[in-house]
Structures are given as structure tokens and as C-alpha cells.
Protein backbone atom coordinates (compact mmCIF):
# COMPACT_ATOMS: atom_id res chain seq x y z
CA MET A 1 0.00 0.00 0.00
CA THR A 2 1.36 3.40 -0.95
CA GLU A 3 1.48 6.35 1.42
CA GLY A 4 -1.25 8.06 -0.60
CA GLU A 5 -3.51 5.00 -0.42
CA SER A 6 -2.87 4.80 3.30
CA ARG A 7 -3.82 8.47 3.77
CA THR A 8 -6.92 7.99 1.61
CA LEU A 9 -8.04 4.94 3.58
CA GLY A 10 -7.18 6.66 6.87
CA ALA A 11 -9.56 9.49 5.97
CA LEU A 12 -12.38 6.93 5.88
CA VAL A 13 -11.76 5.48 9.34
CA ASP A 14 -14.32 7.82 10.93
CA GLY A 15 -16.93 7.36 8.19
CA ALA A 16 -17.77 7.55 4.51
CA LEU A 17 -16.81 10.59 2.44
CA THR A 18 -16.87 11.82 -1.13
CA ALA A 19 -13.60 12.04 -3.06
CA ALA A 20 -13.71 15.82 -2.54
CA GLY A 21 -14.12 15.29 1.21
CA ILE A 22 -11.19 12.90 1.29
CA ALA A 23 -9.07 15.37 -0.71
CA LYS A 24 -9.88 18.15 1.75
CA ARG A 25 -9.13 15.98 4.77
CA THR A 26 -5.86 14.63 3.36
CA GLN A 27 -4.79 17.79 1.53
CA MET A 28 -4.27 15.80 -1.67
CA SER A 29 -5.66 16.70 -5.07
CA PRO A 30 -9.00 15.17 -6.08
CA THR A 31 -7.21 13.49 -9.00
CA GLN A 32 -4.76 11.79 -6.62
CA VAL A 33 -7.60 10.71 -4.34
CA ARG A 34 -9.58 9.20 -7.24
CA GLU A 35 -6.47 7.27 -8.33
CA HIS A 36 -5.98 5.93 -4.81
CA LEU A 37 -9.66 5.02 -4.50
CA ARG A 38 -9.47 2.98 -7.73
CA GLY A 39 -6.48 1.08 -6.36
CA LEU A 40 -8.13 0.50 -2.98
CA ALA A 41 -11.36 -0.65 -4.67
CA ALA A 42 -9.36 -3.11 -6.78
CA ILE A 43 -8.11 -4.85 -3.62
CA GLY A 44 -11.52 -4.72 -1.94
CA PHE A 45 -10.72 -2.11 0.71
CA VAL A 46 -13.24 0.55 -0.34
CA SER A 47 -16.56 0.65 -2.11
CA GLY A 48 -18.56 3.54 -3.44
CA THR A 49 -22.24 4.28 -3.88
CA THR A 50 -23.76 4.76 -7.29
CA ALA A 51 -25.11 8.17 -6.31
CA THR A 52 -23.56 11.37 -7.61
CA PRO A 53 -21.33 12.47 -6.03
CA ARG A 54 -20.15 9.00 -5.10
CA VAL A 55 -19.68 8.38 -1.39
CA TRP A 56 -16.82 6.07 -0.50
CA GLY A 57 -16.47 3.91 2.59
CA MET A 58 -14.25 1.20 4.01
CA THR A 59 -15.32 -2.38 3.39
CA GLY A 60 -15.48 -5.01 6.12
CA ARG A 61 -12.19 -6.36 4.80
CA ALA A 62 -10.49 -2.98 5.28
CA GLN A 63 -12.03 -2.51 8.72
CA GLU A 64 -10.71 -5.90 9.81
CA TRP A 65 -7.28 -5.06 8.37
CA SER A 66 -7.25 -1.70 10.17
CA ARG A 67 -7.75 -3.49 13.52
CA GLN A 68 -4.60 -5.56 13.01
CA SER A 69 -1.27 -4.12 14.10
CA VAL A 70 0.05 -3.80 10.54
CA GLY A 71 -3.10 -1.96 9.49
CA ARG A 72 -3.06 0.39 12.47
CA CYS A 73 0.59 1.17 11.81
CA ALA A 74 -0.01 1.83 8.08
CA LEU A 75 -2.92 4.14 8.87
CA GLY A 76 -1.09 5.95 11.66
CA ILE A 77 -3.59 4.82 14.31
CA GLN A 78 -2.24 4.64 17.83
CA ALA A 79 -3.12 1.45 19.75
């Protein structure tokens, strides 16, 4: 997982957001966030609604991963 993907996923720990909301929270460009979301969706860590604008959230797989020590470390979550 890249640093950008980690920051993108970390922004979703507290709840679902749009790509614009993630960009604002992470101070990344919306283009970067969309790229990271595509990568995270490909590995099953995020899913998005079909509504416009799309709202993205962590999947159960990502939530389980984020509870493990490697996931907490990657997301910058203190135990």
C-alpha cells in the first residue's frame, strides 16, 4: 500500500466521504484521491455508492485489516 492510499483509507476510518471530502481531509488533489480510490477498490478495501457524487467507505475487509497491528501502523492509528 502506498502512502497516498494509506492516507486515503485513513480518511475513511471515521466514516464515509466523497472524493472531494477525502481530498480536503488529506490535503491531496481530487485526481490523486480518485487514483488511490481505484487502487483500494481493486483490492476490496473501499466501495462507493452509485449516487452522484459518489460516497466512499471502508469495506469489512479494510475494517478488519485496520484493527490488526500492521493496518493500524499503516494508517497511523495509535493502539
